[in-house]
Amino acid sequence: MEEPPNDRATPLRPTEADSAGRLAAGEVVPPTVRQTLARAPSERYAGLEGENGSATSPTGSMRRALVVALVPGVVGGGLLVLFGSPLAIPEALVAIALGLGVATGLGARRGGGSRVPLRRRKTLAVAVAVVVVFVAELVVWRLALAQGGDLGFADYQLQAFGPVAILQPIAAALAAWAAG
């Protein structure tokens, strides 16, 4: 039995190429003709450069992560107070807490940059989100006391908001961890 010819090992005959020296459709380039790249494709990622042509340096800091996480946290806390007391719409509080957590997590990620480790950024985002939600709940309770209420903090939260009072910090913490 005769073996078929090995097209990869035999050089092309001049009659197999078209008049411009290119290969015809379906023909195989012999190993002797193949070229290698001047440099490996992965080398383009080795020296990432910024817009000004210099190599990028680590960015961010723990202080900046805290400040950039606090800004959306305070805005979200204000919304929690607004929807929890004057507007009295408890149904929206968990959604606002989720948004607050996501914004806080993204703020911590952006502010921390590449210098703050991932776990520390996420922990910071969760701490900021939970503290802001707790402070907002305290403010809502103090507003209720100012209007003549006489319940303690826990009793007021459970009576006025039910499970929503417990879900707010949980939702904010989970969203901050996921986004951070």
C-alpha atoms as a PDB file:
ATOM      1  CA  MET A   1       0.000   0.000   0.000  1.00  0.00           C
ATOM      2  CA  GLU A   2       1.369   3.358  -0.978  1.00  0.00           C
ATOM      3  CA  GLU A   3       1.270   6.303   1.483  1.00  0.00           C
ATOM      4  CA  PRO A   4      -0.121   9.612   0.279  1.00  0.00           C
ATOM      5  CA  PRO A   5       2.487  12.323  -0.248  1.00  0.00           C
ATOM      6  CA  ASN A   6       3.193  14.619   2.715  1.00  0.00           C
ATOM      7  CA  ASP A   7       2.229  18.099   1.442  1.00  0.00           C
ATOM      8  CA  ARG A   8       3.664  19.832   4.479  1.00  0.00           C
ATOM      9  CA  ALA A   9       7.178  18.489   4.010  1.00  0.00           C
ATOM     10  CA  THR A  10       7.521  19.029   0.262  1.00  0.00           C
ATOM     11  CA  PRO A  11       8.242  22.496  -1.083  1.00  0.00           C
ATOM     12  CA  LEU A  12       5.840  23.965  -3.576  1.00  0.00           C
ATOM     13  CA  ARG A  13       6.551  23.586  -7.229  1.00  0.00           C
ATOM     14  CA  PRO A  14       6.498  26.796  -9.236  1.00  0.00           C
ATOM     15  CA  THR A  15       3.476  25.609 -11.176  1.00  0.00           C
ATOM     16  CA  GLU A  16       1.410  25.416  -7.955  1.00  0.00           C
ATOM     17  CA  ALA A  17       1.653  29.159  -7.235  1.00  0.00           C
ATOM     18  CA  ASP A  18      -0.148  31.778  -9.226  1.00  0.00           C
ATOM     19  CA  SER A  19       1.688  34.317 -11.342  1.00  0.00           C
ATOM     20  CA  ALA A  20       2.254  36.783  -8.437  1.00  0.00           C
ATOM     21  CA  GLY A  21       3.988  34.143  -6.304  1.00  0.00           C
ATOM     22  CA  ARG A  22       1.002  33.629  -3.983  1.00  0.00           C
ATOM     23  CA  LEU A  23      -0.416  30.261  -3.094  1.00  0.00           C
ATOM     24  CA  ALA A  24      -3.531  29.005  -4.791  1.00  0.00           C
ATOM     25  CA  ALA A  25      -6.627  28.401  -2.696  1.00  0.00           C
ATOM     26  CA  GLY A  26      -6.355  25.332  -0.475  1.00  0.00           C
ATOM     27  CA  GLU A  27      -2.586  24.917  -0.722  1.00  0.00           C
ATOM     28  CA  VAL A  28      -0.468  24.472   2.381  1.00  0.00           C
ATOM     29  CA  VAL A  29       2.492  26.688   3.212  1.00  0.00           C
ATOM     30  CA  PRO A  30       5.580  24.538   3.663  1.00  0.00           C
ATOM     31  CA  PRO A  31       7.460  24.849   6.984  1.00  0.00           C
ATOM     32  CA  THR A  32      10.502  26.346   5.265  1.00  0.00           C
ATOM     33  CA  VAL A  33       8.442  29.315   4.026  1.00  0.00           C
ATOM     34  CA  ARG A  34       6.646  30.114   7.298  1.00  0.00           C
ATOM     35  CA  GLN A  35       7.779  33.192   9.150  1.00  0.00           C
ATOM     36  CA  THR A  36       7.902  33.797  12.875  1.00  0.00           C
ATOM     37  CA  LEU A  37       6.827  36.999  14.567  1.00  0.00           C
ATOM     38  CA  ALA A  38       9.504  39.520  15.456  1.00  0.00           C
ATOM     39  CA  ARG A  39       8.242  39.516  19.067  1.00  0.00           C
ATOM     40  CA  ALA A  40       5.751  37.495  21.065  1.00  0.00           C
ATOM     41  CA  PRO A  41       2.151  38.788  21.114  1.00  0.00           C
ATOM     42  CA  SER A  42       2.189  38.859  24.925  1.00  0.00           C
ATOM     43  CA  GLU A  43       4.973  41.443  24.938  1.00  0.00           C
ATOM     44  CA  ARG A  44       2.492  44.160  24.099  1.00  0.00           C
ATOM     45  CA  TYR A  45       1.019  43.802  27.594  1.00  0.00           C
ATOM     46  CA  ALA A  46       4.377  43.803  29.402  1.00  0.00           C
ATOM     47  CA  GLY A  47       4.916  47.555  29.459  1.00  0.00           C
ATOM     48  CA  LEU A  48       1.477  49.107  29.648  1.00  0.00           C
ATOM     49  CA  GLU A  49       1.825  52.808  29.098  1.00  0.00           C
ATOM     50  CA  GLY A  50      -0.418  55.686  30.023  1.00  0.00           C
ATOM     51  CA  GLU A  51      -1.614  58.409  27.714  1.00  0.00           C
ATOM     52  CA  ASN A  52       1.535  60.479  28.204  1.00  0.00           C
ATOM     53  CA  GLY A  53       3.807  57.612  27.145  1.00  0.00           C
ATOM     54  CA  SER A  54       5.158  56.792  30.588  1.00  0.00           C
ATOM     55  CA  ALA A  55       4.575  53.482  32.300  1.00  0.00           C
ATOM     56  CA  THR A  56       1.480  53.481  34.487  1.00  0.00           C
ATOM     57  CA  SER A  57       2.090  53.632  38.200  1.00  0.00           C
ATOM     58  CA  PRO A  58      -0.174  52.268  40.925  1.00  0.00           C
ATOM     59  CA  THR A  59      -3.061  54.597  41.656  1.00  0.00           C
ATOM     60  CA  GLY A  60      -5.372  55.218  44.579  1.00  0.00           C
ATOM     61  CA  SER A  61      -5.038  55.084  48.346  1.00  0.00           C
ATOM     62  CA  MET A  62      -7.050  53.961  51.341  1.00  0.00           C
ATOM     63  CA  ARG A  63      -7.968  57.546  52.203  1.00  0.00           C
ATOM     64  CA  ARG A  64      -9.152  58.226  48.659  1.00  0.00           C
ATOM     65  CA  ALA A  65     -11.145  54.969  48.659  1.00  0.00           C
ATOM     66  CA  LEU A  66     -12.874  56.054  51.864  1.00  0.00           C
ATOM     67  CA  VAL A  67     -13.709  59.524  50.570  1.00  0.00           C
ATOM     68  CA  VAL A  68     -14.912  58.319  47.166  1.00  0.00           C
ATOM     69  CA  ALA A  69     -17.036  55.625  48.869  1.00  0.00           C
ATOM     70  CA  LEU A  70     -18.514  58.091  51.375  1.00  0.00           C
ATOM     71  CA  VAL A  71     -19.814  60.526  48.763  1.00  0.00           C
ATOM     72  CA  PRO A  72     -22.405  58.182  47.200  1.00  0.00           C
ATOM     73  CA  GLY A  73     -22.995  56.686  50.643  1.00  0.00           C
ATOM     74  CA  VAL A  74     -24.063  60.036  52.073  1.00  0.00           C
ATOM     75  CA  VAL A  75     -26.305  60.697  49.077  1.00  0.00           C
ATOM     76  CA  GLY A  76     -27.899  57.256  49.501  1.00  0.00           C
ATOM     77  CA  GLY A  77     -28.280  57.861  53.245  1.00  0.00           C
ATOM     78  CA  GLY A  78     -30.099  61.102  52.495  1.00  0.00           C
ATOM     79  CA  LEU A  79     -32.451  59.228  50.175  1.00  0.00           C
ATOM     80  CA  LEU A  80     -33.081  56.629  52.880  1.00  0.00           C
ATOM     81  CA  VAL A  81     -34.012  59.385  55.333  1.00  0.00           C
ATOM     82  CA  LEU A  82     -36.196  61.123  52.738  1.00  0.00           C
ATOM     83  CA  PHE A  83     -38.088  57.952  51.790  1.00  0.00           C
ATOM     84  CA  GLY A  84     -38.195  56.622  55.358  1.00  0.00           C
ATOM     85  CA  SER A  85     -39.559  59.635  57.180  1.00  0.00           C
ATOM     86  CA  PRO A  86     -41.103  62.566  55.263  1.00  0.00           C
ATOM     87  CA  LEU A  87     -42.320  60.544  52.266  1.00  0.00           C
ATOM     88  CA  ALA A  88     -43.012  57.372  54.305  1.00  0.00           C
ATOM     89  CA  ILE A  89     -42.436  54.959  51.439  1.00  0.00           C
ATOM     90  CA  PRO A  90     -40.834  51.918  53.093  1.00  0.00           C
ATOM     91  CA  GLU A  91     -41.175  49.763  49.965  1.00  0.00           C
ATOM     92  CA  ALA A  92     -38.382  51.670  48.230  1.00  0.00           C
ATOM     93  CA  LEU A  93     -35.916  51.466  51.111  1.00  0.00           C
ATOM     94  CA  VAL A  94     -34.391  48.104  50.179  1.00  0.00           C
ATOM     95  CA  ALA A  95     -33.902  49.200  46.564  1.00  0.00           C
ATOM     96  CA  ILE A  96     -32.280  52.421  47.754  1.00  0.00           C
ATOM     97  CA  ALA A  97     -30.046  50.409  50.109  1.00  0.00           C
ATOM     98  CA  LEU A  98     -29.028  48.177  47.194  1.00  0.00           C
ATOM     99  CA  GLY A  99     -28.175  51.205  45.082  1.00  0.00           C
ATOM    100  CA  LEU A 100     -26.300  52.750  47.993  1.00  0.00           C
ATOM    101  CA  GLY A 101     -24.263  49.547  48.380  1.00  0.00           C
ATOM    102  CA  VAL A 102     -23.426  49.348  44.682  1.00  0.00           C
ATOM    103  CA  ALA A 103     -22.414  53.011  44.527  1.00  0.00           C
ATOM    104  CA  THR A 104     -20.325  52.686  47.680  1.00  0.00           C
ATOM    105  CA  GLY A 105     -18.594  49.582  46.338  1.00  0.00           C
ATOM    106  CA  LEU A 106     -17.834  51.226  43.008  1.00  0.00           C
ATOM    107  CA  GLY A 107     -16.581  54.320  44.816  1.00  0.00           C
ATOM    108  CA  ALA A 108     -14.238  52.245  46.972  1.00  0.00           C
ATOM    109  CA  ARG A 109     -12.978  50.407  43.895  1.00  0.00           C
ATOM    110  CA  ARG A 110     -12.339  53.615  41.995  1.00  0.00           C
ATOM    111  CA  GLY A 111     -10.762  55.449  44.936  1.00  0.00           C
ATOM    112  CA  GLY A 112      -8.630  52.495  46.012  1.00  0.00           C
ATOM    113  CA  GLY A 113      -7.230  51.990  42.539  1.00  0.00           C
ATOM    114  CA  SER A 114      -4.498  49.392  42.253  1.00  0.00           C
ATOM    115  CA  ARG A 115      -2.784  50.211  45.555  1.00  0.00           C
ATOM    116  CA  VAL A 116      -5.528  49.031  47.911  1.00  0.00           C
ATOM    117  CA  PRO A 117      -5.958  45.238  47.918  1.00  0.00           C
ATOM    118  CA  LEU A 118      -9.297  43.846  46.777  1.00  0.00           C
ATOM    119  CA  ARG A 119     -10.334  42.421  50.152  1.00  0.00           C
ATOM    120  CA  ARG A 120      -9.572  45.691  51.929  1.00  0.00           C
ATOM    121  CA  ARG A 121     -11.545  47.692  49.331  1.00  0.00           C
ATOM    122  CA  LYS A 122     -14.532  45.379  49.672  1.00  0.00           C
ATOM    123  CA  THR A 123     -14.366  45.491  53.473  1.00  0.00           C
ATOM    124  CA  LEU A 124     -14.206  49.276  53.396  1.00  0.00           C
ATOM    125  CA  ALA A 125     -17.189  49.463  51.035  1.00  0.00           C
ATOM    126  CA  VAL A 126     -19.261  47.133  53.233  1.00  0.00           C
ATOM    127  CA  ALA A 127     -18.358  49.070  56.396  1.00  0.00           C
ATOM    128  CA  VAL A 128     -19.250  52.415  54.833  1.00  0.00           C
ATOM    129  CA  ALA A 129     -22.545  51.086  53.429  1.00  0.00           C
ATOM    130  CA  VAL A 130     -23.650  49.483  56.705  1.00  0.00           C
ATOM    131  CA  VAL A 131     -22.693  52.515  58.811  1.00  0.00           C
ATOM    132  CA  VAL A 132     -24.500  54.891  56.452  1.00  0.00           C
ATOM    133  CA  VAL A 133     -27.655  52.738  56.520  1.00  0.00           C
ATOM    134  CA  PHE A 134     -27.515  52.532  60.322  1.00  0.00           C
ATOM    135  CA  VAL A 135     -27.049  56.302  60.663  1.00  0.00           C
ATOM    136  CA  ALA A 136     -29.969  56.875  58.266  1.00  0.00           C
ATOM    137  CA  GLU A 137     -32.150  54.581  60.375  1.00  0.00           C
ATOM    138  CA  LEU A 138     -31.099  56.511  63.495  1.00  0.00           C
ATOM    139  CA  VAL A 139     -31.999  59.822  61.847  1.00  0.00           C
ATOM    140  CA  VAL A 140     -35.420  58.494  60.816  1.00  0.00           C
ATOM    141  CA  TRP A 141     -36.013  57.309  64.392  1.00  0.00           C
ATOM    142  CA  ARG A 142     -34.934  60.694  65.824  1.00  0.00           C
ATOM    143  CA  LEU A 143     -37.332  62.431  63.424  1.00  0.00           C
ATOM    144  CA  ALA A 144     -40.119  60.162  64.682  1.00  0.00           C
ATOM    145  CA  LEU A 145     -39.231  61.047  68.283  1.00  0.00           C
ATOM    146  CA  ALA A 146     -39.332  64.741  67.382  1.00  0.00           C
ATOM    147  CA  GLN A 147     -42.871  64.250  66.065  1.00  0.00           C
ATOM    148  CA  GLY A 148     -44.039  62.791  69.369  1.00  0.00           C
ATOM    149  CA  GLY A 149     -42.989  59.144  69.135  1.00  0.00           C
ATOM    150  CA  ASP A 150     -41.958  57.303  72.295  1.00  0.00           C
ATOM    151  CA  LEU A 151     -40.680  53.913  71.107  1.00  0.00           C
ATOM    152  CA  GLY A 152     -37.087  52.779  71.450  1.00  0.00           C
ATOM    153  CA  PHE A 153     -34.921  52.418  68.338  1.00  0.00           C
ATOM    154  CA  ALA A 154     -35.398  48.673  67.775  1.00  0.00           C
ATOM    155  CA  ASP A 155     -39.110  48.763  68.582  1.00  0.00           C
ATOM    156  CA  TYR A 156     -39.681  51.693  66.232  1.00  0.00           C
ATOM    157  CA  GLN A 157     -37.737  50.115  63.371  1.00  0.00           C
ATOM    158  CA  LEU A 158     -39.583  46.812  63.656  1.00  0.00           C
ATOM    159  CA  GLN A 159     -43.008  48.386  64.105  1.00  0.00           C
ATOM    160  CA  ALA A 160     -42.649  51.046  61.411  1.00  0.00           C
ATOM    161  CA  PHE A 161     -40.680  49.100  58.787  1.00  0.00           C
ATOM    162  CA  GLY A 162     -40.900  45.431  59.772  1.00  0.00           C
ATOM    163  CA  PRO A 163     -38.443  43.183  57.929  1.00  0.00           C
ATOM    164  CA  VAL A 164     -37.375  46.086  55.712  1.00  0.00           C
ATOM    165  CA  ALA A 165     -35.407  47.490  58.655  1.00  0.00           C
ATOM    166  CA  ILE A 166     -33.336  44.314  58.771  1.00  0.00           C
ATOM    167  CA  LEU A 167     -33.063  43.908  54.998  1.00  0.00           C
ATOM    168  CA  GLN A 168     -31.631  47.408  54.407  1.00  0.00           C
ATOM    169  CA  PRO A 169     -28.170  46.858  55.938  1.00  0.00           C
ATOM    170  CA  ILE A 170     -28.001  43.310  54.572  1.00  0.00           C
ATOM    171  CA  ALA A 171     -28.818  44.472  51.027  1.00  0.00           C
ATOM    172  CA  ALA A 172     -26.364  47.351  51.262  1.00  0.00           C
ATOM    173  CA  ALA A 173     -23.588  45.092  52.567  1.00  0.00           C
ATOM    174  CA  LEU A 174     -24.084  42.428  49.885  1.00  0.00           C
ATOM    175  CA  ALA A 175     -24.248  44.991  47.084  1.00  0.00           C
ATOM    176  CA  ALA A 176     -21.157  46.821  48.375  1.00  0.00           C
ATOM    177  CA  TRP A 177     -19.182  43.564  48.571  1.00  0.00           C
ATOM    178  CA  ALA A 178     -20.251  42.554  45.074  1.00  0.00           C
ATOM    179  CA  ALA A 179     -19.449  45.945  43.529  1.00  0.00           C
ATOM    180  CA  GLY A 180     -16.256  46.619  45.506  1.00  0.00           C
END
